[in-house]
PDB file of N, CA and C in Angstrom:
ATOM      1  N   MET A   1       3.002  -1.719 -23.405  1.00  0.00           N
ATOM      2  CA  MET A   1       1.579  -1.430 -22.897  1.00  0.00           C
ATOM      3  C   MET A   1       1.568  -0.609 -21.576  1.00  0.00           C
ATOM      4  N   THR A   2       2.403  -0.410 -21.232  1.00  0.00           N
ATOM      5  CA  THR A   2       2.449   0.783 -19.889  1.00  0.00           C
ATOM      6  C   THR A   2       3.179   1.639 -20.329  1.00  0.00           C
ATOM      7  N   ARG A   3       3.649   2.022 -21.091  1.00  0.00           N
ATOM      8  CA  ARG A   3       4.255   3.644 -22.370  1.00  0.00           C
ATOM      9  C   ARG A   3       2.585   4.174 -23.000  1.00  0.00           C
ATOM     10  N   LYS A   4       1.793   2.691 -23.671  1.00  0.00           N
ATOM     11  CA  LYS A   4       0.602   3.451 -24.166  1.00  0.00           C
ATOM     12  C   LYS A   4      -0.494   3.792 -23.002  1.00  0.00           C
ATOM     13  N   PHE A   5      -0.460   2.884 -22.030  1.00  0.00           N
ATOM     14  CA  PHE A   5      -1.522   3.394 -20.985  1.00  0.00           C
ATOM     15  C   PHE A   5      -0.592   4.297 -20.488  1.00  0.00           C
ATOM     16  N   ILE A   6       0.442   5.353 -20.039  1.00  0.00           N
ATOM     17  CA  ILE A   6       0.383   6.027 -19.626  1.00  0.00           C
ATOM     18  C   ILE A   6       0.081   6.890 -21.144  1.00  0.00           C
ATOM     19  N   ALA A   7       0.676   6.884 -22.229  1.00  0.00           N
ATOM     20  CA  ALA A   7       0.141   8.159 -22.953  1.00  0.00           C
ATOM     21  C   ALA A   7      -1.558   8.275 -23.664  1.00  0.00           C
ATOM     22  N   ASP A   8      -1.622   7.653 -23.160  1.00  0.00           N
ATOM     23  CA  ASP A   8      -3.318   7.234 -23.610  1.00  0.00           C
ATOM     24  C   ASP A   8      -4.484   8.018 -22.250  1.00  0.00           C
ATOM     25  N   ASN A   9      -3.372   8.268 -21.387  1.00  0.00           N
ATOM     26  CA  ASN A   9      -4.000   9.192 -20.417  1.00  0.00           C
ATOM     27  C   ASN A   9      -3.655  10.026 -20.048  1.00  0.00           C
ATOM     28  N   SER A  10      -2.831  10.679 -20.918  1.00  0.00           N
ATOM     29  CA  SER A  10      -1.454  12.447 -20.026  1.00  0.00           C
ATOM     30  C   SER A  10      -2.338  13.157 -19.052  1.00  0.00           C
ATOM     31  N   SER A  11      -3.514  13.442 -19.908  1.00  0.00           N
ATOM     32  CA  SER A  11      -4.463  14.624 -19.448  1.00  0.00           C
ATOM     33  C   SER A  11      -4.795  14.511 -18.038  1.00  0.00           C
ATOM     34  N   TRP A  12      -4.826  13.231 -17.418  1.00  0.00           N
ATOM     35  CA  TRP A  12      -5.240  12.994 -16.063  1.00  0.00           C
ATOM     36  C   TRP A  12      -3.695  12.920 -14.991  1.00  0.00           C
ATOM     37  N   LEU A  13      -3.050  11.617 -15.727  1.00  0.00           N
ATOM     38  CA  LEU A  13      -2.125  10.823 -14.950  1.00  0.00           C
ATOM     39  C   LEU A  13      -0.748  12.018 -15.174  1.00  0.00           C
ATOM     40  N   GLN A  14      -0.356  12.172 -14.436  1.00  0.00           N
ATOM     41  CA  GLN A  14       1.225  12.311 -14.061  1.00  0.00           C
ATOM     42  C   GLN A  14       2.145  11.231 -13.577  1.00  0.00           C
ATOM     43  N   VAL A  15       3.279  10.717 -14.127  1.00  0.00           N
ATOM     44  CA  VAL A  15       3.930   9.680 -14.049  1.00  0.00           C
ATOM     45  C   VAL A  15       5.126  10.399 -13.514  1.00  0.00           C
ATOM     46  N   GLU A  16       5.999   9.292 -11.780  1.00  0.00           N
ATOM     47  CA  GLU A  16       7.020  10.222 -11.170  1.00  0.00           C
ATOM     48  C   GLU A  16       8.023   8.454 -11.207  1.00  0.00           C
ATOM     49  N   LEU A  17       9.268   8.949 -11.871  1.00  0.00           N
ATOM     50  CA  LEU A  17      10.305   8.075 -11.280  1.00  0.00           C
ATOM     51  C   LEU A  17      10.916   8.154 -10.051  1.00  0.00           C
ATOM     52  N   LEU A  18      10.857   6.964  -9.726  1.00  0.00           N
ATOM     53  CA  LEU A  18      11.189   7.262  -7.507  1.00  0.00           C
ATOM     54  C   LEU A  18      12.125   6.257  -7.972  1.00  0.00           C
ATOM     55  N   PRO A  19      13.233   6.272  -6.597  1.00  0.00           N
ATOM     56  CA  PRO A  19      14.750   5.536  -6.549  1.00  0.00           C
ATOM     57  C   PRO A  19      14.001   4.207  -6.219  1.00  0.00           C
ATOM     58  N   THR A  20      15.284   3.306  -6.686  1.00  0.00           N
ATOM     59  CA  THR A  20      14.762   1.974  -6.175  1.00  0.00           C
ATOM     60  C   THR A  20      14.182   1.570  -5.590  1.00  0.00           C
ATOM     61  N   ALA A  21      15.386   1.957  -4.444  1.00  0.00           N
ATOM     62  CA  ALA A  21      15.566   1.941  -3.279  1.00  0.00           C
ATOM     63  C   ALA A  21      14.846   2.395  -2.505  1.00  0.00           C
ATOM     64  N   ALA A  22      13.374   2.654  -2.171  1.00  0.00           N
ATOM     65  CA  ALA A  22      13.197   3.719  -1.430  1.00  0.00           C
ATOM     66  C   ALA A  22      11.183   3.291  -0.606  1.00  0.00           C
ATOM     67  N   PRO A  23      11.980   2.786   0.325  1.00  0.00           N
ATOM     68  CA  PRO A  23      10.286   2.102   0.879  1.00  0.00           C
ATOM     69  C   PRO A  23      10.019   3.524   1.021  1.00  0.00           C
ATOM     70  N   GLU A  24      10.268   4.427   1.713  1.00  0.00           N
ATOM     71  CA  GLU A  24       9.777   5.762   2.567  1.00  0.00           C
ATOM     72  C   GLU A  24       9.245   6.442   1.577  1.00  0.00           C
ATOM     73  N   LEU A  25       9.141   5.979   0.371  1.00  0.00           N
ATOM     74  CA  LEU A  25       8.455   6.923  -1.179  1.00  0.00           C
ATOM     75  C   LEU A  25       6.821   6.280  -1.529  1.00  0.00           C
ATOM     76  N   ASN A  26       7.191   4.803  -0.493  1.00  0.00           N
ATOM     77  CA  ASN A  26       5.824   3.951  -1.195  1.00  0.00           C
ATOM     78  C   ASN A  26       4.637   2.930   0.016  1.00  0.00           C
ATOM     79  N   PRO A  27       3.706   4.101  -0.611  1.00  0.00           N
ATOM     80  CA  PRO A  27       2.667   4.062   0.806  1.00  0.00           C
ATOM     81  C   PRO A  27       2.455   2.387   1.356  1.00  0.00           C
ATOM     82  N   VAL A  28       2.950   2.043   0.143  1.00  0.00           N
ATOM     83  CA  VAL A  28       2.849   0.585   0.703  1.00  0.00           C
ATOM     84  C   VAL A  28       2.867  -0.226   1.397  1.00  0.00           C
ATOM     85  N   GLU A  29       4.276   0.268   1.457  1.00  0.00           N
ATOM     86  CA  GLU A  29       5.859  -0.345   2.504  1.00  0.00           C
ATOM     87  C   GLU A  29       4.612  -0.101   4.310  1.00  0.00           C
ATOM     88  N   GLN A  30       4.163   1.463   4.647  1.00  0.00           N
ATOM     89  CA  GLN A  30       2.796   1.599   5.404  1.00  0.00           C
ATOM     90  C   GLN A  30       2.102   0.697   6.148  1.00  0.00           C
ATOM     91  N   VAL A  31       1.961   0.540   4.473  1.00  0.00           N
ATOM     92  CA  VAL A  31       0.519  -0.638   5.073  1.00  0.00           C
ATOM     93  C   VAL A  31       0.689  -2.051   5.531  1.00  0.00           C
ATOM     94  N   TRP A  32       1.658  -2.539   5.019  1.00  0.00           N
ATOM     95  CA  TRP A  32       2.717  -4.028   5.203  1.00  0.00           C
ATOM     96  C   TRP A  32       2.653  -4.073   6.572  1.00  0.00           C
ATOM     97  N   ALA A  33       3.862  -2.310   6.656  1.00  0.00           N
ATOM     98  CA  ALA A  33       3.953  -2.173   8.517  1.00  0.00           C
ATOM     99  C   ALA A  33       2.793  -2.700   9.743  1.00  0.00           C
ATOM    100  N   TRP A  34       2.071  -1.592   9.079  1.00  0.00           N
ATOM    101  CA  TRP A  34       0.596  -1.790   9.683  1.00  0.00           C
ATOM    102  C   TRP A  34       0.229  -2.936  10.310  1.00  0.00           C
ATOM    103  N   ILE A  35       0.092  -3.960   8.955  1.00  0.00           N
ATOM    104  CA  ILE A  35      -0.793  -5.076   8.751  1.00  0.00           C
ATOM    105  C   ILE A  35       0.442  -6.132   9.878  1.00  0.00           C
ATOM    106  N   LYS A  36       1.623  -5.992   9.766  1.00  0.00           N
ATOM    107  CA  LYS A  36       2.694  -7.345  10.350  1.00  0.00           C
ATOM    108  C   LYS A  36       2.618  -6.497  11.730  1.00  0.00           C
ATOM    109  N   GLY A  37       2.566  -5.388  12.642  1.00  0.00           N
ATOM    110  CA  GLY A  37       2.584  -4.806  13.301  1.00  0.00           C
ATOM    111  C   GLY A  37       1.145  -4.776  14.639  1.00  0.00           C
ATOM    112  N   GLY A  38       0.249  -5.143  14.011  1.00  0.00           N
ATOM    113  CA  GLY A  38      -0.978  -5.374  14.021  1.00  0.00           C
ATOM    114  C   GLY A  38      -1.618  -6.369  14.017  1.00  0.00           C
ATOM    115  N   PRO A  39      -2.693  -6.857  12.883  1.00  0.00           N
ATOM    116  CA  PRO A  39      -3.303  -7.403  12.848  1.00  0.00           C
ATOM    117  C   PRO A  39      -2.686  -9.176  13.088  1.00  0.00           C
ATOM    118  N   LEU A  40      -1.388  -9.244  12.339  1.00  0.00           N
ATOM    119  CA  LEU A  40      -1.062 -10.666  11.507  1.00  0.00           C
ATOM    120  C   LEU A  40       0.097 -10.371  12.819  1.00  0.00           C
ATOM    121  N   ALA A  41       0.523  -9.812  14.063  1.00  0.00           N
ATOM    122  CA  ALA A  41       1.850  -9.895  14.669  1.00  0.00           C
ATOM    123  C   ALA A  41       1.970 -11.268  15.757  1.00  0.00           C
ATOM    124  N   ASN A  42       0.744 -11.684  16.383  1.00  0.00           N
ATOM    125  CA  ASN A  42       0.916 -12.265  17.123  1.00  0.00           C
ATOM    126  C   ASN A  42       0.426 -14.593  15.967  1.00  0.00           C
ATOM    127  N   LEU A  43      -0.073 -13.928  15.374  1.00  0.00           N
ATOM    128  CA  LEU A  43      -0.259 -15.072  14.739  1.00  0.00           C
ATOM    129  C   LEU A  43       0.685 -15.682  13.784  1.00  0.00           C
ATOM    130  N   ALA A  44       0.138 -17.614  14.982  1.00  0.00           N
ATOM    131  CA  ALA A  44       0.493 -18.860  14.411  1.00  0.00           C
ATOM    132  C   ALA A  44      -0.242 -18.936  12.575  1.00  0.00           C
ATOM    133  N   PRO A  45      -0.055 -18.766  12.133  1.00  0.00           N
ATOM    134  CA  PRO A  45      -1.109 -20.111  11.280  1.00  0.00           C
ATOM    135  C   PRO A  45      -0.304 -20.803  10.248  1.00  0.00           C
ATOM    136  N   PRO A  46      -1.556 -21.684  10.446  1.00  0.00           N
ATOM    137  CA  PRO A  46      -0.912 -23.297  10.119  1.00  0.00           C
ATOM    138  C   PRO A  46      -0.147 -23.814   8.983  1.00  0.00           C
ATOM    139  N   ASP A  47      -1.382 -22.512   7.949  1.00  0.00           N
ATOM    140  CA  ASP A  47      -0.608 -23.089   6.169  1.00  0.00           C
ATOM    141  C   ASP A  47      -0.357 -21.744   6.144  1.00  0.00           C
ATOM    142  N   LEU A  48      -0.322 -21.540   5.061  1.00  0.00           N
ATOM    143  CA  LEU A  48       0.008 -19.777   3.912  1.00  0.00           C
ATOM    144  C   LEU A  48      -1.673 -20.040   3.632  1.00  0.00           C
ATOM    145  N   ASP A  49      -2.646 -21.197   3.351  1.00  0.00           N
ATOM    146  CA  ASP A  49      -3.527 -20.093   3.079  1.00  0.00           C
ATOM    147  C   ASP A  49      -4.740 -19.391   4.625  1.00  0.00           C
ATOM    148  N   HIS A  50      -3.966 -19.974   5.229  1.00  0.00           N
ATOM    149  CA  HIS A  50      -4.463 -19.027   6.403  1.00  0.00           C
ATOM    150  C   HIS A  50      -4.178 -17.685   6.884  1.00  0.00           C
ATOM    151  N   LEU A  51      -2.698 -18.202   6.702  1.00  0.00           N
ATOM    152  CA  LEU A  51      -1.514 -16.806   6.548  1.00  0.00           C
ATOM    153  C   LEU A  51      -2.068 -15.310   5.396  1.00  0.00           C
ATOM    154  N   ALA A  52      -2.671 -16.369   3.871  1.00  0.00           N
ATOM    155  CA  ALA A  52      -3.501 -15.720   3.167  1.00  0.00           C
ATOM    156  C   ALA A  52      -5.224 -14.910   3.322  1.00  0.00           C
ATOM    157  N   ASP A  53      -5.775 -15.401   4.283  1.00  0.00           N
ATOM    158  CA  ASP A  53      -7.066 -14.541   4.876  1.00  0.00           C
ATOM    159  C   ASP A  53      -6.478 -14.435   5.737  1.00  0.00           C
ATOM    160  N   ALA A  54      -6.483 -13.842   6.611  1.00  0.00           N
ATOM    161  CA  ALA A  54      -5.814 -13.325   7.948  1.00  0.00           C
ATOM    162  C   ALA A  54      -5.416 -11.723   7.314  1.00  0.00           C
ATOM    163  N   ALA A  55      -4.183 -12.288   6.277  1.00  0.00           N
ATOM    164  CA  ALA A  55      -3.281 -10.650   5.557  1.00  0.00           C
ATOM    165  C   ALA A  55      -4.959 -10.388   5.039  1.00  0.00           C
ATOM    166  N   GLY A  56      -6.173 -10.633   4.192  1.00  0.00           N
ATOM    167  CA  GLY A  56      -6.886 -10.327   3.320  1.00  0.00           C
ATOM    168  C   GLY A  56      -7.837  -9.765   4.143  1.00  0.00           C
ATOM    169  N   LYS A  57      -8.193  -9.724   5.186  1.00  0.00           N
ATOM    170  CA  LYS A  57      -9.087  -9.475   6.018  1.00  0.00           C
ATOM    171  C   LYS A  57      -8.282  -8.393   6.531  1.00  0.00           C
ATOM    172  N   ALA A  58      -7.247  -8.488   7.193  1.00  0.00           N
ATOM    173  CA  ALA A  58      -6.571  -7.074   7.744  1.00  0.00           C
ATOM    174  C   ALA A  58      -6.691  -6.210   6.541  1.00  0.00           C
ATOM    175  N   LEU A  59      -6.094  -6.713   5.008  1.00  0.00           N
ATOM    176  CA  LEU A  59      -6.489  -4.932   4.552  1.00  0.00           C
ATOM    177  C   LEU A  59      -7.920  -4.755   4.067  1.00  0.00           C
ATOM    178  N   ASN A  60      -9.061  -5.608   3.718  1.00  0.00           N
ATOM    179  CA  ASN A  60     -10.339  -5.333   4.124  1.00  0.00           C
ATOM    180  C   ASN A  60     -10.919  -4.271   5.040  1.00  0.00           C
ATOM    181  N   GLN A  61      -9.988  -4.774   6.097  1.00  0.00           N
ATOM    182  CA  GLN A  61     -10.303  -3.560   7.463  1.00  0.00           C
ATOM    183  C   GLN A  61      -9.808  -2.522   7.175  1.00  0.00           C
ATOM    184  N   LEU A  62      -8.571  -2.188   6.816  1.00  0.00           N
ATOM    185  CA  LEU A  62      -7.813  -1.203   6.683  1.00  0.00           C
ATOM    186  C   LEU A  62      -8.967  -0.087   5.313  1.00  0.00           C
ATOM    187  N   GLY A  63      -9.002  -0.899   4.803  1.00  0.00           N
ATOM    188  CA  GLY A  63     -10.166   0.091   3.376  1.00  0.00           C
ATOM    189  C   GLY A  63     -10.609   0.584   3.780  1.00  0.00           C
ATOM    190  N   HIS A  64     -11.574   0.293   5.077  1.00  0.00           N
ATOM    191  CA  HIS A  64     -12.895   1.088   5.865  1.00  0.00           C
ATOM    192  C   HIS A  64     -12.095   2.544   6.717  1.00  0.00           C
ATOM    193  N   ARG A  65     -10.725   2.189   6.751  1.00  0.00           N
ATOM    194  CA  ARG A  65     -10.125   3.581   7.849  1.00  0.00           C
ATOM    195  C   ARG A  65      -9.041   3.787   6.985  1.00  0.00           C
ATOM    196  N   PHE A  66     -10.145   5.180   6.213  1.00  0.00           N
ATOM    197  CA  PHE A  66      -9.421   6.227   5.872  1.00  0.00           C
ATOM    198  C   PHE A  66      -8.875   7.183   6.288  1.00  0.00           C
ATOM    199  N   PRO A  67      -8.776   7.465   7.230  1.00  0.00           N
ATOM    200  CA  PRO A  67      -7.943   8.455   8.078  1.00  0.00           C
ATOM    201  C   PRO A  67      -6.456   8.220   8.329  1.00  0.00           C
ATOM    202  N   LEU A  68      -6.294   6.612   8.615  1.00  0.00           N
ATOM    203  CA  LEU A  68      -5.167   5.791   8.203  1.00  0.00           C
ATOM    204  C   LEU A  68      -4.506   6.065   7.152  1.00  0.00           C
ATOM    205  N   LEU A  69      -5.380   5.340   5.996  1.00  0.00           N
ATOM    206  CA  LEU A  69      -4.450   5.526   5.121  1.00  0.00           C
ATOM    207  C   LEU A  69      -3.730   6.225   4.237  1.00  0.00           C
ATOM    208  N   THR A  70      -5.131   7.696   4.828  1.00  0.00           N
ATOM    209  CA  THR A  70      -4.635   9.058   4.584  1.00  0.00           C
ATOM    210  C   THR A  70      -2.787   9.502   5.510  1.00  0.00           C
ATOM    211  N   ALA A  71      -3.047   8.532   6.494  1.00  0.00           N
ATOM    212  CA  ALA A  71      -1.782   9.395   7.094  1.00  0.00           C
ATOM    213  C   ALA A  71      -0.363   8.101   6.513  1.00  0.00           C
ATOM    214  N   PHE A  72      -0.633   7.079   5.463  1.00  0.00           N
ATOM    215  CA  PHE A  72       0.393   6.278   5.088  1.00  0.00           C
ATOM    216  C   PHE A  72       0.973   7.560   3.705  1.00  0.00           C
ATOM    217  N   LEU A  73      -0.413   7.894   3.348  1.00  0.00           N
ATOM    218  CA  LEU A  73       0.184   8.941   2.139  1.00  0.00           C
ATOM    219  C   LEU A  73       1.045  10.011   2.658  1.00  0.00           C
ATOM    220  N   ARG A  74       0.775  10.396   3.816  1.00  0.00           N
ATOM    221  CA  ARG A  74       0.639  12.293   3.918  1.00  0.00           C
ATOM    222  C   ARG A  74       2.148  10.908   4.737  1.00  0.00           C
ATOM    223  N   HIS A  75       2.719  10.014   4.828  1.00  0.00           N
ATOM    224  CA  HIS A  75       4.188   9.525   5.097  1.00  0.00           C
ATOM    225  C   HIS A  75       4.710   9.660   3.810  1.00  0.00           C
ATOM    226  N   THR A  76       4.555   9.448   3.498  1.00  0.00           N
ATOM    227  CA  THR A  76       5.334   9.897   2.157  1.00  0.00           C
ATOM    228  C   THR A  76       6.232  11.433   1.941  1.00  0.00           C
ATOM    229  N   GLU A  77       5.696  11.704   2.373  1.00  0.00           N
ATOM    230  CA  GLU A  77       5.630  13.222   1.721  1.00  0.00           C
ATOM    231  C   GLU A  77       5.912  14.184   0.653  1.00  0.00           C
ATOM    232  N   LEU A  78       5.416  12.596   0.012  1.00  0.00           N
ATOM    233  CA  LEU A  78       4.618  12.871  -1.780  1.00  0.00           C
ATOM    234  C   LEU A  78       3.600  13.758  -1.565  1.00  0.00           C
ATOM    235  N   ALA A  79       3.145  14.850  -3.062  1.00  0.00           N
ATOM    236  CA  ALA A  79       2.368  15.747  -3.918  1.00  0.00           C
ATOM    237  C   ALA A  79       1.032  14.626  -3.886  1.00  0.00           C
ATOM    238  N   TRP A  80       0.219  14.312  -3.200  1.00  0.00           N
ATOM    239  CA  TRP A  80      -1.306  13.355  -3.660  1.00  0.00           C
ATOM    240  C   TRP A  80      -2.098  14.014  -4.068  1.00  0.00           C
ATOM    241  N   THR A  81      -2.187  15.707  -3.135  1.00  0.00           N
ATOM    242  CA  THR A  81      -3.859  15.689  -3.554  1.00  0.00           C
ATOM    243  C   THR A  81      -3.763  16.877  -4.718  1.00  0.00           C
TER     244      THR A  81
END
């Protein structure tokens, strides 16, 4: 299914193989580090539902902070524009 998707979208999609253990190349790692060190840093949720809600709210707030998201992408030093 993935190979078909890549083949069907090859006119605009470029796929790069990344090392299996390279968090510095993955902007999602930057997102989670920011959330864990910021909005969730002192959170002591009573249960998993509260943690999931807090993480979801933090992700929604982050989605409106374009300069910060851009910084996470730039941190990877990958070509993305």
